[in-house]
Amino acid sequence: METASRRRSRRLELRTTPEERELLDRAVAEMGTDLTDFVVSQATDAARRVLADRDHFVLDPKAALAWEEINSRPARDLPGLRRLVERPSPFSE
């Protein structure tokens, strides 16, 4: 969603077949939006999915077991961190 404080300033030009354009126009009408908002929204959603896949990794069974073992260990006591989180927040009254 575009907010009043954010303005689009970069242009993206696309070429489509007549069938692709008709399909896009039909979807835009169904969504009750305009072509720019529809295309930008769908393209950014797709881009986020692509990039999320790059952050996802799969481990073989042996590595997954090692990963689970590491994550099952009790947390270490870090005195400096403990003092930090026990301090009053500067944002509360």
N, C-alpha and C. Protein backbone atom coordinates (compact mmCIF):
# COMPACT_ATOMS: atom_id res chain seq x y z
N MET A 1 0.83 -1.18 0.00
CA MET A 1 0.00 0.00 0.00
C MET A 1 0.88 1.25 0.00
N GLU A 2 0.50 2.22 -0.79
CA GLU A 2 1.25 3.46 -0.86
C GLU A 2 0.71 4.41 0.19
N THR A 3 1.60 5.08 0.88
CA THR A 3 1.17 6.06 1.87
C THR A 3 1.37 7.45 1.30
N ALA A 4 0.77 8.42 1.95
CA ALA A 4 0.88 9.80 1.47
C ALA A 4 2.31 10.29 1.52
N SER A 5 3.11 9.76 2.45
CA SER A 5 4.48 10.23 2.59
C SER A 5 5.44 9.57 1.61
N ARG A 6 4.98 8.55 0.88
CA ARG A 6 5.86 7.85 -0.06
C ARG A 6 5.34 8.06 -1.48
N ARG A 7 6.20 8.58 -2.33
CA ARG A 7 5.81 8.78 -3.72
C ARG A 7 6.69 7.92 -4.61
N ARG A 8 6.06 7.33 -5.59
CA ARG A 8 6.83 6.54 -6.55
C ARG A 8 7.51 7.48 -7.52
N SER A 9 8.81 7.28 -7.69
CA SER A 9 9.56 8.18 -8.56
C SER A 9 10.35 7.45 -9.63
N ARG A 10 10.35 6.12 -9.61
CA ARG A 10 11.09 5.35 -10.61
C ARG A 10 10.10 4.71 -11.57
N ARG A 11 10.44 4.73 -12.82
CA ARG A 11 9.55 4.20 -13.85
C ARG A 11 9.99 2.80 -14.25
N LEU A 12 9.03 1.91 -14.45
CA LEU A 12 9.27 0.55 -14.90
C LEU A 12 8.35 0.32 -16.10
N GLU A 13 8.94 0.04 -17.24
CA GLU A 13 8.13 -0.18 -18.44
C GLU A 13 8.12 -1.66 -18.77
N LEU A 14 6.96 -2.16 -19.15
CA LEU A 14 6.78 -3.57 -19.48
C LEU A 14 6.16 -3.72 -20.86
N ARG A 15 6.53 -4.77 -21.52
CA ARG A 15 5.86 -5.12 -22.77
C ARG A 15 5.08 -6.40 -22.51
N THR A 16 3.87 -6.44 -23.02
CA THR A 16 3.02 -7.61 -22.83
C THR A 16 2.38 -8.00 -24.16
N THR A 17 1.91 -9.21 -24.20
CA THR A 17 1.07 -9.61 -25.33
C THR A 17 -0.32 -9.05 -25.07
N PRO A 18 -1.13 -8.99 -26.10
CA PRO A 18 -2.52 -8.54 -25.87
C PRO A 18 -3.25 -9.43 -24.85
N GLU A 19 -2.97 -10.72 -24.87
CA GLU A 19 -3.63 -11.63 -23.92
C GLU A 19 -3.17 -11.36 -22.49
N GLU A 20 -1.87 -11.12 -22.30
CA GLU A 20 -1.37 -10.81 -20.96
C GLU A 20 -1.97 -9.51 -20.44
N ARG A 21 -2.05 -8.51 -21.30
CA ARG A 21 -2.62 -7.23 -20.89
C ARG A 21 -4.09 -7.37 -20.53
N GLU A 22 -4.82 -8.13 -21.30
CA GLU A 22 -6.24 -8.36 -21.01
C GLU A 22 -6.39 -9.05 -19.65
N LEU A 23 -5.55 -10.03 -19.40
CA LEU A 23 -5.59 -10.74 -18.12
C LEU A 23 -5.29 -9.78 -16.96
N LEU A 24 -4.27 -8.95 -17.12
CA LEU A 24 -3.94 -7.97 -16.09
C LEU A 24 -5.08 -6.99 -15.87
N ASP A 25 -5.66 -6.50 -16.95
CA ASP A 25 -6.77 -5.55 -16.84
C ASP A 25 -7.96 -6.17 -16.12
N ARG A 26 -8.25 -7.43 -16.41
CA ARG A 26 -9.36 -8.12 -15.73
C ARG A 26 -9.08 -8.25 -14.23
N ALA A 27 -7.84 -8.63 -13.89
CA ALA A 27 -7.48 -8.78 -12.48
C ALA A 27 -7.54 -7.44 -11.76
N VAL A 28 -7.07 -6.39 -12.40
CA VAL A 28 -7.12 -5.05 -11.82
C VAL A 28 -8.56 -4.65 -11.53
N ALA A 29 -9.44 -4.91 -12.48
CA ALA A 29 -10.86 -4.58 -12.29
C ALA A 29 -11.46 -5.37 -11.14
N GLU A 30 -11.11 -6.64 -11.03
CA GLU A 30 -11.62 -7.48 -9.94
C GLU A 30 -11.13 -6.99 -8.58
N MET A 31 -9.90 -6.51 -8.55
CA MET A 31 -9.32 -6.06 -7.28
C MET A 31 -9.75 -4.64 -6.93
N GLY A 32 -10.30 -3.92 -7.88
CA GLY A 32 -10.73 -2.55 -7.62
C GLY A 32 -9.57 -1.61 -7.37
N THR A 33 -8.49 -1.80 -8.09
CA THR A 33 -7.30 -0.98 -7.92
C THR A 33 -6.89 -0.45 -9.29
N ASP A 34 -5.72 0.14 -9.37
CA ASP A 34 -5.23 0.56 -10.68
C ASP A 34 -4.08 -0.36 -11.10
N LEU A 35 -3.72 -0.26 -12.36
CA LEU A 35 -2.72 -1.16 -12.92
C LEU A 35 -1.38 -1.03 -12.19
N THR A 36 -0.94 0.19 -11.92
CA THR A 36 0.34 0.37 -11.24
C THR A 36 0.34 -0.29 -9.87
N ASP A 37 -0.68 0.00 -9.06
CA ASP A 37 -0.73 -0.60 -7.73
C ASP A 37 -0.78 -2.12 -7.80
N PHE A 38 -1.55 -2.63 -8.73
CA PHE A 38 -1.67 -4.08 -8.87
C PHE A 38 -0.33 -4.71 -9.25
N VAL A 39 0.30 -4.19 -10.28
CA VAL A 39 1.55 -4.77 -10.76
C VAL A 39 2.66 -4.62 -9.72
N VAL A 40 2.79 -3.46 -9.12
CA VAL A 40 3.83 -3.25 -8.12
C VAL A 40 3.60 -4.17 -6.92
N SER A 41 2.36 -4.27 -6.46
CA SER A 41 2.04 -5.13 -5.32
C SER A 41 2.38 -6.59 -5.61
N GLN A 42 1.94 -7.08 -6.76
CA GLN A 42 2.18 -8.48 -7.10
C GLN A 42 3.66 -8.75 -7.34
N ALA A 43 4.35 -7.82 -7.98
CA ALA A 43 5.78 -8.00 -8.25
C ALA A 43 6.59 -7.96 -6.96
N THR A 44 6.26 -7.06 -6.05
CA THR A 44 7.02 -7.00 -4.80
C THR A 44 6.74 -8.21 -3.93
N ASP A 45 5.51 -8.71 -3.93
CA ASP A 45 5.21 -9.96 -3.20
C ASP A 45 6.04 -11.11 -3.76
N ALA A 46 6.09 -11.21 -5.08
CA ALA A 46 6.88 -12.27 -5.72
C ALA A 46 8.36 -12.11 -5.40
N ALA A 47 8.85 -10.89 -5.40
CA ALA A 47 10.26 -10.64 -5.09
C ALA A 47 10.57 -11.05 -3.65
N ARG A 48 9.67 -10.76 -2.72
CA ARG A 48 9.88 -11.17 -1.32
C ARG A 48 9.93 -12.69 -1.20
N ARG A 49 9.06 -13.38 -1.93
CA ARG A 49 9.07 -14.85 -1.88
C ARG A 49 10.38 -15.40 -2.44
N VAL A 50 10.86 -14.84 -3.52
CA VAL A 50 12.13 -15.29 -4.11
C VAL A 50 13.26 -15.09 -3.12
N LEU A 51 13.31 -13.91 -2.52
CA LEU A 51 14.39 -13.62 -1.59
C LEU A 51 14.28 -14.43 -0.30
N ALA A 52 13.07 -14.70 0.13
CA ALA A 52 12.88 -15.54 1.33
C ALA A 52 13.42 -16.94 1.07
N ASP A 53 13.24 -17.43 -0.13
CA ASP A 53 13.78 -18.75 -0.47
C ASP A 53 15.30 -18.78 -0.36
N ARG A 54 15.92 -17.65 -0.54
CA ARG A 54 17.38 -17.60 -0.44
C ARG A 54 17.84 -17.62 1.01
N ASP A 55 16.93 -17.29 1.92
CA ASP A 55 17.24 -17.30 3.35
C ASP A 55 16.88 -18.63 4.01
N HIS A 56 16.25 -19.50 3.26
CA HIS A 56 15.81 -20.80 3.77
C HIS A 56 16.85 -21.84 3.38
N PHE A 57 17.21 -22.68 4.30
CA PHE A 57 18.18 -23.71 3.97
C PHE A 57 17.68 -25.06 4.45
N VAL A 58 18.10 -26.08 3.77
CA VAL A 58 17.68 -27.44 4.09
C VAL A 58 18.92 -28.22 4.52
N LEU A 59 18.77 -28.96 5.61
CA LEU A 59 19.88 -29.75 6.13
C LEU A 59 19.60 -31.23 5.90
N ASP A 60 20.65 -31.98 5.64
CA ASP A 60 20.48 -33.42 5.56
C ASP A 60 20.21 -33.94 6.98
N PRO A 61 19.73 -35.16 7.12
CA PRO A 61 19.35 -35.67 8.45
C PRO A 61 20.45 -35.56 9.50
N LYS A 62 21.68 -35.83 9.14
CA LYS A 62 22.77 -35.76 10.10
C LYS A 62 22.99 -34.32 10.57
N ALA A 63 23.01 -33.39 9.64
CA ALA A 63 23.20 -31.98 9.99
C ALA A 63 22.01 -31.45 10.77
N ALA A 64 20.80 -31.90 10.43
CA ALA A 64 19.61 -31.46 11.15
C ALA A 64 19.67 -31.93 12.60
N LEU A 65 20.14 -33.13 12.83
CA LEU A 65 20.29 -33.65 14.19
C LEU A 65 21.31 -32.81 14.97
N ALA A 66 22.42 -32.49 14.35
CA ALA A 66 23.42 -31.65 15.00
C ALA A 66 22.86 -30.28 15.32
N TRP A 67 22.09 -29.72 14.40
CA TRP A 67 21.46 -28.41 14.60
C TRP A 67 20.51 -28.46 15.80
N GLU A 68 19.68 -29.48 15.86
CA GLU A 68 18.74 -29.62 16.98
C GLU A 68 19.48 -29.79 18.30
N GLU A 69 20.59 -30.53 18.28
CA GLU A 69 21.38 -30.73 19.50
C GLU A 69 21.93 -29.39 20.00
N ILE A 70 22.44 -28.59 19.09
CA ILE A 70 22.98 -27.28 19.46
C ILE A 70 21.87 -26.40 20.04
N ASN A 71 20.72 -26.41 19.40
CA ASN A 71 19.62 -25.54 19.84
C ASN A 71 18.92 -26.05 21.09
N SER A 72 19.16 -27.27 21.49
CA SER A 72 18.56 -27.83 22.70
C SER A 72 19.39 -27.54 23.94
N ARG A 73 20.59 -27.07 23.76
CA ARG A 73 21.46 -26.75 24.90
C ARG A 73 20.86 -25.60 25.70
N PRO A 74 21.08 -25.61 27.02
CA PRO A 74 20.60 -24.48 27.81
C PRO A 74 21.35 -23.21 27.42
N ALA A 75 20.67 -22.10 27.58
CA ALA A 75 21.28 -20.82 27.25
C ALA A 75 22.41 -20.52 28.23
N ARG A 76 23.45 -19.90 27.72
CA ARG A 76 24.56 -19.49 28.59
C ARG A 76 24.15 -18.24 29.36
N ASP A 77 24.68 -18.09 30.56
CA ASP A 77 24.45 -16.88 31.34
C ASP A 77 25.49 -15.85 30.92
N LEU A 78 25.02 -14.74 30.40
CA LEU A 78 25.90 -13.66 29.98
C LEU A 78 25.63 -12.48 30.91
N PRO A 79 26.48 -12.29 31.92
CA PRO A 79 26.21 -11.26 32.93
C PRO A 79 25.98 -9.86 32.34
N GLY A 80 26.75 -9.48 31.36
CA GLY A 80 26.57 -8.15 30.76
C GLY A 80 25.21 -8.01 30.11
N LEU A 81 24.78 -9.04 29.41
CA LEU A 81 23.46 -9.01 28.78
C LEU A 81 22.36 -9.01 29.83
N ARG A 82 22.56 -9.81 30.88
CA ARG A 82 21.56 -9.85 31.96
C ARG A 82 21.40 -8.46 32.58
N ARG A 83 22.52 -7.76 32.86
CA ARG A 83 22.44 -6.41 33.43
C ARG A 83 21.72 -5.46 32.48
N LEU A 84 21.99 -5.61 31.20
CA LEU A 84 21.36 -4.73 30.21
C LEU A 84 19.84 -4.90 30.21
N VAL A 85 19.37 -6.13 30.18
CA VAL A 85 17.91 -6.34 30.10
C VAL A 85 17.21 -6.07 31.43
N GLU A 86 17.96 -6.06 32.52
CA GLU A 86 17.36 -5.76 33.81
C GLU A 86 17.30 -4.26 34.09
N ARG A 87 17.99 -3.45 33.29
CA ARG A 87 17.94 -2.00 33.46
C ARG A 87 16.56 -1.49 33.10
N PRO A 88 16.11 -0.44 33.77
CA PRO A 88 14.83 0.17 33.38
C PRO A 88 14.91 0.72 31.95
N SER A 89 13.84 0.63 31.25
CA SER A 89 13.80 1.14 29.89
C SER A 89 13.82 2.65 29.89
N PRO A 90 14.59 3.27 29.01
CA PRO A 90 14.55 4.73 28.93
C PRO A 90 13.27 5.22 28.26
N PHE A 91 12.47 4.31 27.73
CA PHE A 91 11.24 4.69 27.02
C PHE A 91 10.00 4.56 27.88
N SER A 92 10.14 4.05 29.10
CA SER A 92 8.98 3.93 29.98
C SER A 92 9.06 4.98 31.07
N GLU A 93 7.93 5.23 31.68
CA GLU A 93 7.87 6.27 32.72
C GLU A 93 8.46 5.79 34.01
